[in-house]
């Protein structure tokens, strides 16, 4: 799944969350206009942090691979293979979490009101 596809899913989830909480989305900034308490952790923030960490793992693996192919002496084949496996596992985890979120959303939407 491409990063733009993930960001569009996150944007739509943020819009739905804002609609459910009664806040209005600001078109200029894409953020809710309601004032949030600093001690409150938002689901969308946790989700975005997770996507960013997934991207960081993939970028690190790509960087290590490129360095190894260019002949850098500070990167070994073991580091490259471990980085690629971490990247693969992180991506699979992200896809599974997305699938569970979509499934939960569909189940909630099918409940009678």
Protein backbone atom coordinates (compact mmCIF):
# COMPACT_ATOMS: atom_id res chain seq x y z
CA UNK A 1 0.00 0.00 0.00
CA UNK A 2 1.42 3.36 -1.00
CA UNK A 3 1.91 6.23 1.43
CA UNK A 4 -0.61 8.48 -0.41
CA UNK A 5 -3.24 5.76 -0.01
CA UNK A 6 -2.53 5.55 3.71
CA UNK A 7 -2.67 9.32 4.10
CA UNK A 8 -6.03 9.45 2.30
CA UNK A 9 -7.37 6.78 4.67
CA UNK A 10 -6.09 8.77 7.64
CA UNK A 11 -7.64 11.97 6.26
CA UNK A 12 -11.01 10.31 5.84
CA UNK A 13 -10.80 8.82 9.33
CA UNK A 14 -9.97 12.26 10.75
CA UNK A 15 -12.95 13.75 8.93
CA UNK A 16 -15.24 11.05 10.33
CA UNK A 17 -13.83 11.52 13.83
CA UNK A 18 -14.37 15.27 13.62
CA UNK A 19 -17.89 14.75 12.33
CA UNK A 20 -18.65 12.33 15.17
CA UNK A 21 -17.28 14.69 17.83
CA UNK A 22 -19.10 17.68 16.40
CA UNK A 23 -15.99 19.71 15.54
CA UNK A 24 -15.57 21.45 12.22
CA UNK A 25 -12.57 20.76 9.97
CA UNK A 26 -10.61 23.83 8.96
CA UNK A 27 -10.06 23.61 5.19
CA UNK A 28 -6.85 25.67 5.34
CA UNK A 29 -5.08 23.50 7.90
CA UNK A 30 -6.95 20.20 7.84
CA UNK A 31 -7.11 20.17 11.64
CA UNK A 32 -10.10 20.37 13.96
CA UNK A 33 -10.89 23.87 15.14
CA UNK A 34 -12.00 22.78 18.61
CA UNK A 35 -9.53 23.36 21.44
CA UNK A 36 -8.05 20.08 22.70
CA UNK A 37 -6.81 19.48 26.23
CA UNK A 38 -3.04 18.80 26.27
CA UNK A 39 -3.48 15.68 28.42
CA UNK A 40 -5.90 14.18 25.90
CA UNK A 41 -4.43 11.73 23.39
CA UNK A 42 -6.25 11.70 20.08
CA UNK A 43 -6.67 8.52 18.10
CA UNK A 44 -5.71 10.28 14.89
CA UNK A 45 -2.42 11.45 16.45
CA UNK A 46 -1.58 7.92 17.56
CA UNK A 47 -2.42 6.62 14.10
CA UNK A 48 -0.31 9.26 12.37
CA UNK A 49 2.62 8.56 14.70
CA UNK A 50 2.35 4.88 13.84
CA UNK A 51 2.33 5.57 10.11
CA UNK A 52 5.32 7.90 10.48
CA UNK A 53 7.28 5.28 12.43
CA UNK A 54 6.41 2.70 9.76
CA UNK A 55 7.74 5.08 7.13
CA UNK A 56 10.90 5.69 9.17
CA UNK A 57 11.61 1.95 9.35
CA UNK A 58 11.18 1.62 5.60
CA UNK A 59 13.37 4.64 4.85
CA UNK A 60 16.09 3.29 7.17
CA UNK A 61 16.04 -0.08 5.41
CA UNK A 62 16.22 1.60 2.01
CA UNK A 63 19.10 3.82 3.11
CA UNK A 64 21.04 0.85 4.50
CA UNK A 65 20.48 -1.09 1.28
CA UNK A 66 21.68 1.80 -0.85
CA UNK A 67 24.77 2.31 1.31
CA UNK A 68 25.63 -1.39 1.11
CA UNK A 69 25.25 -1.44 -2.66
CA UNK A 70 27.49 1.62 -2.96
CA UNK A 71 30.18 -0.18 -0.98
CA UNK A 72 30.05 1.64 2.37
CA UNK A 73 32.21 -0.10 4.95
CA UNK A 74 30.02 0.79 7.95
CA UNK A 75 27.02 -1.27 6.72
CA UNK A 76 27.19 -5.06 6.66
CA UNK A 77 24.98 -7.52 4.83
CA UNK A 78 23.53 -8.61 8.19
CA UNK A 79 22.43 -5.05 8.94
CA UNK A 80 20.77 -4.77 5.54
CA UNK A 81 18.92 -8.08 5.87
CA UNK A 82 17.72 -7.29 9.42
CA UNK A 83 16.58 -3.84 8.31
CA UNK A 84 14.67 -5.30 5.37
CA UNK A 85 12.97 -7.88 7.62
CA UNK A 86 12.01 -5.16 10.11
CA UNK A 87 10.58 -3.13 7.26
CA UNK A 88 8.63 -6.10 5.92
CA UNK A 89 7.22 -6.99 9.34
CA UNK A 90 6.29 -3.37 10.06
CA UNK A 91 4.47 -3.09 6.75
CA UNK A 92 2.60 -6.37 7.33
CA UNK A 93 1.62 -5.19 10.81
CA UNK A 94 0.40 -1.88 9.40
CA UNK A 95 -1.70 -3.63 6.77
CA UNK A 96 -3.23 -5.98 9.36
CA UNK A 97 -4.07 -3.08 11.68
CA UNK A 98 -5.68 -1.23 8.77
CA UNK A 99 -7.71 -4.32 7.91
CA UNK A 100 -8.93 -4.62 11.50
CA UNK A 101 -9.84 -0.92 11.60
CA UNK A 102 -11.80 -1.17 8.37
CA UNK A 103 -13.54 -4.29 9.62
CA UNK A 104 -14.47 -2.60 12.91
CA UNK A 105 -15.70 0.49 11.06
CA UNK A 106 -17.87 -1.62 8.76
CA UNK A 107 -19.29 -3.51 11.73
CA UNK A 108 -20.12 -0.28 13.56
CA UNK A 109 -21.72 1.22 10.45
CA UNK A 110 -23.92 -1.86 10.00
CA UNK A 111 -25.36 -1.55 13.54
CA UNK A 112 -28.92 -0.32 13.71
CA UNK A 113 -29.41 3.02 15.42
